[in-house]
PDB file of N, CA and C in Angstrom:
ATOM      1  N   MET A   1     160.631 226.717  93.790  1.00  0.00           N
ATOM      2  CA  MET A   1     159.394 227.009  94.500  1.00  0.00           C
ATOM      3  C   MET A   1     159.215 226.017  95.640  1.00  0.00           C
ATOM      4  N   ASP A   2     158.670 226.480  96.747  1.00  0.00           N
ATOM      5  CA  ASP A   2     158.457 225.637  97.914  1.00  0.00           C
ATOM      6  C   ASP A   2     157.123 224.918  97.837  1.00  0.00           C
ATOM      7  N   ASN A   3     157.056 223.764  98.531  1.00  0.00           N
ATOM      8  CA  ASN A   3     155.792 223.041  98.639  1.00  0.00           C
ATOM      9  C   ASN A   3     154.943 223.653  99.739  1.00  0.00           C
ATOM     10  N   VAL A   4     153.642 223.656  99.534  1.00  0.00           N
ATOM     11  CA  VAL A   4     152.677 224.152 100.509  1.00  0.00           C
ATOM     12  C   VAL A   4     151.842 222.957 100.946  1.00  0.00           C
ATOM     13  N   HIS A   5     151.715 222.724 102.257  1.00  0.00           N
ATOM     14  CA  HIS A   5     150.989 221.569 102.779  1.00  0.00           C
ATOM     15  C   HIS A   5     149.726 222.032 103.497  1.00  0.00           C
ATOM     16  N   LEU A   6     148.596 221.385 103.181  1.00  0.00           N
ATOM     17  CA  LEU A   6     147.314 221.732 103.787  1.00  0.00           C
ATOM     18  C   LEU A   6     146.611 220.448 104.193  1.00  0.00           C
ATOM     19  N   LYS A   7     145.820 220.505 105.233  1.00  0.00           N
ATOM     20  CA  LYS A   7     145.030 219.358 105.661  1.00  0.00           C
ATOM     21  C   LYS A   7     143.669 219.857 106.100  1.00  0.00           C
ATOM     22  N   SER A   8     142.610 219.108 105.751  1.00  0.00           N
ATOM     23  CA  SER A   8     141.262 219.501 106.167  1.00  0.00           C
ATOM     24  C   SER A   8     140.817 218.639 107.333  1.00  0.00           C
ATOM     25  N   SER A   9     139.985 219.214 108.190  1.00  0.00           N
ATOM     26  CA  SER A   9     139.484 218.515 109.360  1.00  0.00           C
ATOM     27  C   SER A   9     138.131 219.104 109.723  1.00  0.00           C
ATOM     28  N   PHE A  10     137.406 218.413 110.608  1.00  0.00           N
ATOM     29  CA  PHE A  10     136.165 218.952 111.143  1.00  0.00           C
ATOM     30  C   PHE A  10     136.353 219.146 112.628  1.00  0.00           C
ATOM     31  N   SER A  11     135.841 220.228 113.129  1.00  0.00           N
ATOM     32  CA  SER A  11     135.870 220.490 114.557  1.00  0.00           C
ATOM     33  C   SER A  11     134.560 221.136 114.958  1.00  0.00           C
ATOM     34  N   PRO A  12     133.971 220.702 116.088  1.00  0.00           N
ATOM     35  CA  PRO A  12     132.721 221.334 116.539  1.00  0.00           C
ATOM     36  C   PRO A  12     132.998 222.722 117.100  1.00  0.00           C
ATOM     37  N   LEU A  13     133.213 223.672 116.216  1.00  0.00           N
ATOM     38  CA  LEU A  13     133.525 225.034 116.639  1.00  0.00           C
ATOM     39  C   LEU A  13     132.329 225.730 117.262  1.00  0.00           C
ATOM     40  N   PHE A  14     131.133 225.220 116.979  1.00  0.00           N
ATOM     41  CA  PHE A  14     129.913 225.803 117.517  1.00  0.00           C
ATOM     42  C   PHE A  14     129.138 224.711 118.250  1.00  0.00           C
ATOM     43  N   PRO A  15     129.605 224.245 119.412  1.00  0.00           N
ATOM     44  CA  PRO A  15     128.928 223.159 120.112  1.00  0.00           C
ATOM     45  C   PRO A  15     127.464 223.496 120.375  1.00  0.00           C
ATOM     46  N   GLY A  16     126.606 222.510 120.181  1.00  0.00           N
ATOM     47  CA  GLY A  16     125.186 222.700 120.440  1.00  0.00           C
ATOM     48  C   GLY A  16     124.414 223.263 119.280  1.00  0.00           C
ATOM     49  N   LEU A  17     125.090 223.753 118.258  1.00  0.00           N
ATOM     50  CA  LEU A  17     124.399 224.344 117.121  1.00  0.00           C
ATOM     51  C   LEU A  17     124.402 223.435 115.899  1.00  0.00           C
ATOM     52  N   THR A  18     124.993 222.272 116.029  1.00  0.00           N
ATOM     53  CA  THR A  18     125.104 221.370 114.888  1.00  0.00           C
ATOM     54  C   THR A  18     123.749 220.825 114.493  1.00  0.00           C
ATOM     55  N   VAL A  19     123.409 220.946 113.218  1.00  0.00           N
ATOM     56  CA  VAL A  19     122.138 220.436 112.702  1.00  0.00           C
ATOM     57  C   VAL A  19     122.375 219.411 111.610  1.00  0.00           C
ATOM     58  N   ALA A  20     123.621 219.007 111.428  1.00  0.00           N
ATOM     59  CA  ALA A  20     123.942 218.057 110.369  1.00  0.00           C
ATOM     60  C   ALA A  20     125.088 217.167 110.819  1.00  0.00           C
ATOM     61  N   ASP A  21     125.212 216.018 110.166  1.00  0.00           N
ATOM     62  CA  ASP A  21     126.401 215.199 110.323  1.00  0.00           C
ATOM     63  C   ASP A  21     127.408 215.727 109.317  1.00  0.00           C
ATOM     64  N   ILE A  22     128.581 216.123 109.801  1.00  0.00           N
ATOM     65  CA  ILE A  22     129.568 216.743 108.920  1.00  0.00           C
ATOM     66  C   ILE A  22     130.923 216.115 109.175  1.00  0.00           C
ATOM     67  N   SER A  23     131.686 215.912 108.128  1.00  0.00           N
ATOM     68  CA  SER A  23     133.022 215.353 108.289  1.00  0.00           C
ATOM     69  C   SER A  23     133.921 215.834 107.162  1.00  0.00           C
ATOM     70  N   ALA A  24     135.130 216.193 107.543  1.00  0.00           N
ATOM     71  CA  ALA A  24     136.124 216.545 106.526  1.00  0.00           C
ATOM     72  C   ALA A  24     136.627 215.253 105.919  1.00  0.00           C
ATOM     73  N   ASP A  25     137.047 215.326 104.707  1.00  0.00           N
ATOM     74  CA  ASP A  25     137.539 214.132 104.037  1.00  0.00           C
ATOM     75  C   ASP A  25     138.920 213.731 104.543  1.00  0.00           C
ATOM     76  N   GLY A  26     139.473 214.496 105.487  1.00  0.00           N
ATOM     77  CA  GLY A  26     140.728 214.147 106.130  1.00  0.00           C
ATOM     78  C   GLY A  26     141.921 214.116 105.191  1.00  0.00           C
ATOM     79  N   GLN A  27     141.767 214.770 104.091  1.00  0.00           N
ATOM     80  CA  GLN A  27     142.821 214.722 103.087  1.00  0.00           C
ATOM     81  C   GLN A  27     143.965 215.648 103.434  1.00  0.00           C
ATOM     82  N   GLU A  28     145.149 215.236 103.063  1.00  0.00           N
ATOM     83  CA  GLU A  28     146.304 216.112 103.151  1.00  0.00           C
ATOM     84  C   GLU A  28     146.676 216.474 101.728  1.00  0.00           C
ATOM     85  N   VAL A  29     146.772 217.752 101.475  1.00  0.00           N
ATOM     86  CA  VAL A  29     146.999 218.244 100.118  1.00  0.00           C
ATOM     87  C   VAL A  29     148.304 219.024 100.101  1.00  0.00           C
ATOM     88  N   SER A  30     149.077 218.806  99.081  1.00  0.00           N
ATOM     89  CA  SER A  30     150.301 219.577  98.884  1.00  0.00           C
ATOM     90  C   SER A  30     150.273 220.187  97.494  1.00  0.00           C
ATOM     91  N   GLY A  31     150.887 221.313  97.371  1.00  0.00           N
ATOM     92  CA  GLY A  31     150.996 221.955  96.067  1.00  0.00           C
ATOM     93  C   GLY A  31     152.205 222.865  96.061  1.00  0.00           C
ATOM     94  N   ARG A  32     152.549 223.335  94.922  1.00  0.00           N
ATOM     95  CA  ARG A  32     153.658 224.279  94.794  1.00  0.00           C
ATOM     96  C   ARG A  32     153.115 225.704  94.810  1.00  0.00           C
ATOM     97  N   GLU A  33     153.947 226.618  95.239  1.00  0.00           N
ATOM     98  CA  GLU A  33     153.546 228.020  95.214  1.00  0.00           C
ATOM     99  C   GLU A  33     153.036 228.377  93.826  1.00  0.00           C
ATOM    100  N   GLY A  34     151.913 229.094  93.798  1.00  0.00           N
ATOM    101  CA  GLY A  34     151.322 229.513  92.540  1.00  0.00           C
ATOM    102  C   GLY A  34     150.263 228.564  92.013  1.00  0.00           C
ATOM    103  N   GLN A  35     150.254 227.308  92.488  1.00  0.00           N
ATOM    104  CA  GLN A  35     149.234 226.355  92.066  1.00  0.00           C
ATOM    105  C   GLN A  35     147.942 226.585  92.835  1.00  0.00           C
ATOM    106  N   SER A  36     146.874 225.914  92.409  1.00  0.00           N
ATOM    107  CA  SER A  36     145.586 225.950  93.104  1.00  0.00           C
ATOM    108  C   SER A  36     145.296 224.576  93.686  1.00  0.00           C
ATOM    109  N   VAL A  37     144.628 224.543  94.848  1.00  0.00           N
ATOM    110  CA  VAL A  37     144.211 223.281  95.458  1.00  0.00           C
ATOM    111  C   VAL A  37     142.771 223.411  95.934  1.00  0.00           C
ATOM    112  N   THR A  38     142.126 222.257  96.150  1.00  0.00           N
ATOM    113  CA  THR A  38     140.756 222.224  96.647  1.00  0.00           C
ATOM    114  C   THR A  38     140.657 221.228  97.789  1.00  0.00           C
ATOM    115  N   LEU A  39     140.049 221.658  98.897  1.00  0.00           N
ATOM    116  CA  LEU A  39     139.754 220.794 100.040  1.00  0.00           C
ATOM    117  C   LEU A  39     138.255 220.544 100.059  1.00  0.00           C
ATOM    118  N   SER A  40     137.829 219.399 100.597  1.00  0.00           N
ATOM    119  CA  SER A  40     136.395 219.116 100.610  1.00  0.00           C
ATOM    120  C   SER A  40     135.936 218.614 101.971  1.00  0.00           C
ATOM    121  N   CYS A  41     134.644 218.765 102.204  1.00  0.00           N
ATOM    122  CA  CYS A  41     134.006 218.393 103.458  1.00  0.00           C
ATOM    123  C   CYS A  41     132.598 217.907 103.117  1.00  0.00           C
ATOM    124  N   SER A  42     132.195 216.764 103.670  1.00  0.00           N
ATOM    125  CA  SER A  42     130.874 216.197 103.390  1.00  0.00           C
ATOM    126  C   SER A  42     129.934 216.423 104.564  1.00  0.00           C
ATOM    127  N   TYR A  43     128.641 216.525 104.272  1.00  0.00           N
ATOM    128  CA  TYR A  43     127.660 216.683 105.341  1.00  0.00           C
ATOM    129  C   TYR A  43     126.330 216.077 104.923  1.00  0.00           C
ATOM    130  N   GLN A  44     125.502 215.778 105.929  1.00  0.00           N
ATOM    131  CA  GLN A  44     124.139 215.300 105.702  1.00  0.00           C
ATOM    132  C   GLN A  44     123.213 216.073 106.620  1.00  0.00           C
ATOM    133  N   THR A  45     122.112 216.582 106.070  1.00  0.00           N
ATOM    134  CA  THR A  45     121.140 217.313 106.872  1.00  0.00           C
ATOM    135  C   THR A  45     119.792 217.316 106.169  1.00  0.00           C
ATOM    136  N   ASP A  46     118.741 217.492 106.947  1.00  0.00           N
ATOM    137  CA  ASP A  46     117.399 217.652 106.400  1.00  0.00           C
ATOM    138  C   ASP A  46     116.980 219.118 106.403  1.00  0.00           C
ATOM    139  N   SER A  47     117.816 219.964 106.979  1.00  0.00           N
ATOM    140  CA  SER A  47     117.507 221.383 107.109  1.00  0.00           C
ATOM    141  C   SER A  47     117.949 222.153 105.868  1.00  0.00           C
ATOM    142  N   ASP A  48     117.176 223.177 105.487  1.00  0.00           N
ATOM    143  CA  ASP A  48     117.545 224.036 104.364  1.00  0.00           C
ATOM    144  C   ASP A  48     118.355 225.247 104.811  1.00  0.00           C
ATOM    145  N   GLY A  49     118.385 225.523 106.101  1.00  0.00           N
ATOM    146  CA  GLY A  49     119.044 226.725 106.598  1.00  0.00           C
ATOM    147  C   GLY A  49     120.422 226.473 107.162  1.00  0.00           C
ATOM    148  N   VAL A  50     121.214 225.653 106.509  1.00  0.00           N
ATOM    149  CA  VAL A  50     122.543 225.312 107.007  1.00  0.00           C
ATOM    150  C   VAL A  50     123.578 226.292 106.459  1.00  0.00           C
ATOM    151  N   TYR A  51     124.480 226.750 107.322  1.00  0.00           N
ATOM    152  CA  TYR A  51     125.595 227.591 106.906  1.00  0.00           C
ATOM    153  C   TYR A  51     126.885 226.830 107.148  1.00  0.00           C
ATOM    154  N   LEU A  52     127.751 226.860 106.172  1.00  0.00           N
ATOM    155  CA  LEU A  52     129.004 226.123 106.213  1.00  0.00           C
ATOM    156  C   LEU A  52     130.152 227.112 106.345  1.00  0.00           C
ATOM    157  N   TYR A  53     131.063 226.838 107.263  1.00  0.00           N
ATOM    158  CA  TYR A  53     132.163 227.737 107.573  1.00  0.00           C
ATOM    159  C   TYR A  53     133.494 227.060 107.286  1.00  0.00           C
ATOM    160  N   TRP A  54     134.453 227.833 106.859  1.00  0.00           N
ATOM    161  CA  TRP A  54     135.824 227.363 106.707  1.00  0.00           C
ATOM    162  C   TRP A  54     136.734 228.249 107.553  1.00  0.00           C
ATOM    163  N   TYR A  55     137.633 227.594 108.289  1.00  0.00           N
ATOM    164  CA  TYR A  55     138.638 228.260 109.115  1.00  0.00           C
ATOM    165  C   TYR A  55     139.999 227.664 108.779  1.00  0.00           C
ATOM    166  N   ARG A  56     141.050 228.396 109.083  1.00  0.00           N
ATOM    167  CA  ARG A  56     142.381 227.799 108.998  1.00  0.00           C
ATOM    168  C   ARG A  56     143.116 228.071 110.297  1.00  0.00           C
ATOM    169  N   HIS A  57     143.971 227.137 110.653  1.00  0.00           N
ATOM    170  CA  HIS A  57     144.696 227.197 111.910  1.00  0.00           C
ATOM    171  C   HIS A  57     146.179 227.022 111.595  1.00  0.00           C
ATOM    172  N   HIS A  58     146.942 228.075 111.786  1.00  0.00           N
ATOM    173  CA  HIS A  58     148.364 228.032 111.449  1.00  0.00           C
ATOM    174  C   HIS A  58     149.196 227.324 112.507  1.00  0.00           C
ATOM    175  N   SER A  59     148.894 227.530 113.784  1.00  0.00           N
ATOM    176  CA  SER A  59     149.681 226.906 114.847  1.00  0.00           C
ATOM    177  C   SER A  59     148.885 226.919 116.142  1.00  0.00           C
ATOM    178  N   ASP A  60     149.373 226.148 117.107  1.00  0.00           N
ATOM    179  CA  ASP A  60     148.712 226.109 118.412  1.00  0.00           C
ATOM    180  C   ASP A  60     148.847 227.427 119.162  1.00  0.00           C
ATOM    181  N   LEU A  61     149.690 228.309 118.685  1.00  0.00           N
ATOM    182  CA  LEU A  61     149.893 229.595 119.343  1.00  0.00           C
ATOM    183  C   LEU A  61     148.884 230.642 118.904  1.00  0.00           C
ATOM    184  N   GLN A  62     148.041 230.290 117.922  1.00  0.00           N
ATOM    185  CA  GLN A  62     147.046 231.232 117.408  1.00  0.00           C
ATOM    186  C   GLN A  62     145.677 230.565 117.381  1.00  0.00           C
ATOM    187  N   ALA A  63     144.639 231.378 117.474  1.00  0.00           N
ATOM    188  CA  ALA A  63     143.275 230.866 117.314  1.00  0.00           C
ATOM    189  C   ALA A  63     143.021 230.591 115.833  1.00  0.00           C
ATOM    190  N   PRO A  64     142.077 229.688 115.525  1.00  0.00           N
ATOM    191  CA  PRO A  64     141.719 229.484 114.115  1.00  0.00           C
ATOM    192  C   PRO A  64     141.256 230.795 113.486  1.00  0.00           C
ATOM    193  N   GLN A  65     141.595 230.991 112.237  1.00  0.00           N
ATOM    194  CA  GLN A  65     141.258 232.212 111.504  1.00  0.00           C
ATOM    195  C   GLN A  65     140.067 231.931 110.588  1.00  0.00           C
ATOM    196  N   PHE A  66     139.017 232.746 110.711  1.00  0.00           N
ATOM    197  CA  PHE A  66     137.845 232.620 109.853  1.00  0.00           C
ATOM    198  C   PHE A  66     138.228 232.944 108.413  1.00  0.00           C
ATOM    199  N   ILE A  67     137.781 232.099 107.477  1.00  0.00           N
ATOM    200  CA  ILE A  67     138.032 232.356 106.056  1.00  0.00           C
ATOM    201  C   ILE A  67     136.757 232.820 105.379  1.00  0.00           C
ATOM    202  N   LEU A  68     135.710 231.984 105.415  1.00  0.00           N
ATOM    203  CA  LEU A  68     134.449 232.356 104.785  1.00  0.00           C
ATOM    204  C   LEU A  68     133.336 231.457 105.272  1.00  0.00           C
ATOM    205  N   TYR A  69     132.102 231.876 105.019  1.00  0.00           N
ATOM    206  CA  TYR A  69     130.961 231.002 105.258  1.00  0.00           C
ATOM    207  C   TYR A  69     130.099 230.995 104.020  1.00  0.00           C
ATOM    208  N   LYS A  70     129.364 229.914 103.880  1.00  0.00           N
ATOM    209  CA  LYS A  70     128.503 229.727 102.713  1.00  0.00           C
ATOM    210  C   LYS A  70     127.158 229.209 103.179  1.00  0.00           C
ATOM    211  N   GLY A  71     126.098 229.718 102.595  1.00  0.00           N
ATOM    212  CA  GLY A  71     124.811 229.087 102.773  1.00  0.00           C
ATOM    213  C   GLY A  71     124.823 227.805 101.952  1.00  0.00           C
ATOM    214  N   ALA A  72     124.352 226.725 102.522  1.00  0.00           N
ATOM    215  CA  ALA A  72     124.345 225.464 101.785  1.00  0.00           C
ATOM    216  C   ALA A  72     123.619 225.656 100.462  1.00  0.00           C
ATOM    217  N   LYS A  73     124.110 225.025  99.440  1.00  0.00           N
ATOM    218  CA  LYS A  73     123.525 225.044  98.101  1.00  0.00           C
ATOM    219  C   LYS A  73     123.682 226.399  97.412  1.00  0.00           C
ATOM    220  N   THR A  74     124.668 227.190  97.817  1.00  0.00           N
ATOM    221  CA  THR A  74     124.991 228.418  97.098  1.00  0.00           C
ATOM    222  C   THR A  74     126.399 228.296  96.535  1.00  0.00           C
ATOM    223  N   SER A  75     126.758 229.187  95.646  1.00  0.00           N
ATOM    224  CA  SER A  75     128.077 229.030  95.024  1.00  0.00           C
ATOM    225  C   SER A  75     128.760 230.351  94.689  1.00  0.00           C
ATOM    226  N   THR A  76     128.517 231.387  95.470  1.00  0.00           N
ATOM    227  CA  THR A  76     129.201 232.644  95.202  1.00  0.00           C
ATOM    228  C   THR A  76     130.103 232.996  96.371  1.00  0.00           C
ATOM    229  N   SER A  77     131.165 233.685  96.099  1.00  0.00           N
ATOM    230  CA  SER A  77     132.096 234.093  97.136  1.00  0.00           C
ATOM    231  C   SER A  77     132.814 235.356  96.687  1.00  0.00           C
ATOM    232  N   GLU A  78     133.065 236.249  97.624  1.00  0.00           N
ATOM    233  CA  GLU A  78     133.781 237.483  97.308  1.00  0.00           C
ATOM    234  C   GLU A  78     135.152 237.482  97.975  1.00  0.00           C
ATOM    235  N   HIS A  79     135.704 236.322  98.239  1.00  0.00           N
ATOM    236  CA  HIS A  79     136.964 236.190  98.951  1.00  0.00           C
ATOM    237  C   HIS A  79     138.033 235.628  98.029  1.00  0.00           C
ATOM    238  N   LYS A  80     139.290 235.692  98.481  1.00  0.00           N
ATOM    239  CA  LYS A  80     140.378 235.044  97.745  1.00  0.00           C
ATOM    240  C   LYS A  80     140.061 233.570  97.578  1.00  0.00           C
ATOM    241  N   HIS A  81     139.527 232.971  98.614  1.00  0.00           N
ATOM    242  CA  HIS A  81     139.177 231.561  98.591  1.00  0.00           C
ATOM    243  C   HIS A  81     137.806 231.393  97.946  1.00  0.00           C
ATOM    244  N   GLY A  82     137.640 230.351  97.188  1.00  0.00           N
ATOM    245  CA  GLY A  82     136.350 230.059  96.580  1.00  0.00           C
ATOM    246  C   GLY A  82     135.705 228.878  97.269  1.00  0.00           C
ATOM    247  N   SER A  83     134.396 228.789  97.198  1.00  0.00           N
ATOM    248  CA  SER A  83     133.683 227.680  97.815  1.00  0.00           C
ATOM    249  C   SER A  83     132.494 227.301  96.953  1.00  0.00           C
ATOM    250  N   GLN A  84     132.279 226.012  96.833  1.00  0.00           N
ATOM    251  CA  GLN A  84     131.115 225.473  96.134  1.00  0.00           C
ATOM    252  C   GLN A  84     130.411 224.528  97.100  1.00  0.00           C
ATOM    253  N   THR A  85     129.086 224.531  97.090  1.00  0.00           N
ATOM    254  CA  THR A  85     128.344 223.606  97.940  1.00  0.00           C
ATOM    255  C   THR A  85     127.322 222.855  97.112  1.00  0.00           C
ATOM    256  N   SER A  86     127.010 221.663  97.589  1.00  0.00           N
ATOM    257  CA  SER A  86     125.958 220.855  96.980  1.00  0.00           C
ATOM    258  C   SER A  86     125.072 220.351  98.109  1.00  0.00           C
ATOM    259  N   ASP A  87     124.208 219.399  97.820  1.00  0.00           N
ATOM    260  CA  ASP A  87     123.330 218.841  98.850  1.00  0.00           C
ATOM    261  C   ASP A  87     124.093 218.029  99.891  1.00  0.00           C
ATOM    262  N   SER A  88     125.336 217.650  99.605  1.00  0.00           N
ATOM    263  CA  SER A  88     126.048 216.771 100.529  1.00  0.00           C
ATOM    264  C   SER A  88     127.515 217.126 100.759  1.00  0.00           C
ATOM    265  N   SER A  89     128.015 218.181 100.128  1.00  0.00           N
ATOM    266  CA  SER A  89     129.424 218.508 100.331  1.00  0.00           C
ATOM    267  C   SER A  89     129.694 219.984 100.068  1.00  0.00           C
ATOM    268  N   THR A  90     130.834 220.414 100.568  1.00  0.00           N
ATOM    269  CA  THR A  90     131.315 221.760 100.303  1.00  0.00           C
ATOM    270  C   THR A  90     132.802 221.674 100.019  1.00  0.00           C
ATOM    271  N   THR A  91     133.291 222.557  99.185  1.00  0.00           N
ATOM    272  CA  THR A  91     134.715 222.589  98.880  1.00  0.00           C
ATOM    273  C   THR A  91     135.268 223.976  99.173  1.00  0.00           C
ATOM    274  N   LEU A  92     136.547 224.007  99.442  1.00  0.00           N
ATOM    275  CA  LEU A  92     137.275 225.258  99.603  1.00  0.00           C
ATOM    276  C   LEU A  92     138.390 225.250  98.572  1.00  0.00           C
ATOM    277  N   SER A  93     138.368 226.199  97.670  1.00  0.00           N
ATOM    278  CA  SER A  93     139.403 226.312  96.645  1.00  0.00           C
ATOM    279  C   SER A  93     140.358 227.432  97.026  1.00  0.00           C
ATOM    280  N   ILE A  94     141.634 227.127  96.943  1.00  0.00           N
ATOM    281  CA  ILE A  94     142.662 228.110  97.280  1.00  0.00           C
ATOM    282  C   ILE A  94     143.518 228.327  96.039  1.00  0.00           C
ATOM    283  N   PRO A  95     143.330 229.456  95.363  1.00  0.00           N
ATOM    284  CA  PRO A  95     144.119 229.725  94.156  1.00  0.00           C
ATOM    285  C   PRO A  95     145.479 230.330  94.511  1.00  0.00           C
ATOM    286  N   LYS A  96     146.420 230.159  93.656  1.00  0.00           N
ATOM    287  CA  LYS A  96     147.733 230.798  93.789  1.00  0.00           C
ATOM    288  C   LYS A  96     148.313 230.611  95.187  1.00  0.00           C
ATOM    289  N   LEU A  97     148.611 229.369  95.534  1.00  0.00           N
ATOM    290  CA  LEU A  97     149.157 229.054  96.847  1.00  0.00           C
ATOM    291  C   LEU A  97     150.393 229.878  97.177  1.00  0.00           C
ATOM    292  N   THR A  98     150.480 230.246  98.453  1.00  0.00           N
ATOM    293  CA  THR A  98     151.688 230.853  98.998  1.00  0.00           C
ATOM    294  C   THR A  98     152.047 230.068 100.253  1.00  0.00           C
ATOM    295  N   LEU A  99     153.240 230.264 100.766  1.00  0.00           N
ATOM    296  CA  LEU A  99     153.624 229.584 102.002  1.00  0.00           C
ATOM    297  C   LEU A  99     152.698 229.957 103.150  1.00  0.00           C
ATOM    298  N   ALA A 100     152.109 231.143 103.119  1.00  0.00           N
ATOM    299  CA  ALA A 100     151.180 231.577 104.165  1.00  0.00           C
ATOM    300  C   ALA A 100     149.912 230.730 104.195  1.00  0.00           C
ATOM    301  N   ASP A 101     149.630 229.971 103.128  1.00  0.00           N
ATOM    302  CA  ASP A 101     148.453 229.104 103.095  1.00  0.00           C
ATOM    303  C   ASP A 101     148.682 227.779 103.812  1.00  0.00           C
ATOM    304  N   THR A 102     149.921 227.483 104.212  1.00  0.00           N
ATOM    305  CA  THR A 102     150.216 226.248 104.932  1.00  0.00           C
ATOM    306  C   THR A 102     149.498 226.288 106.273  1.00  0.00           C
ATOM    307  N   ALA A 103     148.570 225.333 106.503  1.00  0.00           N
ATOM    308  CA  ALA A 103     147.766 225.346 107.724  1.00  0.00           C
ATOM    309  C   ALA A 103     146.902 224.098 107.793  1.00  0.00           C
ATOM    310  N   LEU A 104     146.239 223.924 108.931  1.00  0.00           N
ATOM    311  CA  LEU A 104     145.178 222.940 109.096  1.00  0.00           C
ATOM    312  C   LEU A 104     143.875 223.686 108.853  1.00  0.00           C
ATOM    313  N   TYR A 105     143.052 223.182 107.952  1.00  0.00           N
ATOM    314  CA  TYR A 105     141.799 223.841 107.588  1.00  0.00           C
ATOM    315  C   TYR A 105     140.632 223.092 108.213  1.00  0.00           C
ATOM    316  N   TYR A 106     139.691 223.838 108.801  1.00  0.00           N
ATOM    317  CA  TYR A 106     138.512 223.259 109.440  1.00  0.00           C
ATOM    318  C   TYR A 106     137.255 223.649 108.677  1.00  0.00           C
ATOM    319  N   CYS A 107     136.341 222.701 108.548  1.00  0.00           N
ATOM    320  CA  CYS A 107     134.999 223.048 108.088  1.00  0.00           C
ATOM    321  C   CYS A 107     134.065 222.860 109.278  1.00  0.00           C
ATOM    322  N   ALA A 108     133.043 223.670 109.342  1.00  0.00           N
ATOM    323  CA  ALA A 108     132.060 223.606 110.421  1.00  0.00           C
ATOM    324  C   ALA A 108     130.719 224.033 109.850  1.00  0.00           C
ATOM    325  N   GLU A 109     129.652 223.734 110.565  1.00  0.00           N
ATOM    326  CA  GLU A 109     128.325 224.129 110.094  1.00  0.00           C
ATOM    327  C   GLU A 109     127.443 224.514 111.261  1.00  0.00           C
ATOM    328  N   THR A 110     126.441 225.307 110.953  1.00  0.00           N
ATOM    329  CA  THR A 110     125.442 225.710 111.927  1.00  0.00           C
ATOM    330  C   THR A 110     124.183 226.107 111.171  1.00  0.00           C
ATOM    331  N   GLN A 111     123.097 226.247 111.900  1.00  0.00           N
ATOM    332  CA  GLN A 111     121.822 226.606 111.280  1.00  0.00           C
ATOM    333  C   GLN A 111     121.567 228.079 111.447  1.00  0.00           C
TER     334      GLN A 111
END
């Protein structure tokens, strides 16, 4: 089985709409095909109407691909990827890794 490499980052994908201080934990995660991994991103805000987004970027030849968004403090998802949020962080869970999951992952937020 091949190794799958993932890295999380933050990028201001929505300039001017930021209502929180947000930062990816900058972690680089590796796993084997079929395993599950979790990436995390921390944020601070006083607003209750924050939406958290996850994107992945496979290469400089493609635009980042939208994965999912979450309302802060919610924990449901209807996607392959799972997400959990708390008052200060959000995670992206990727079950059953495949080589296609190898990418740079971005978290972003907006109100």
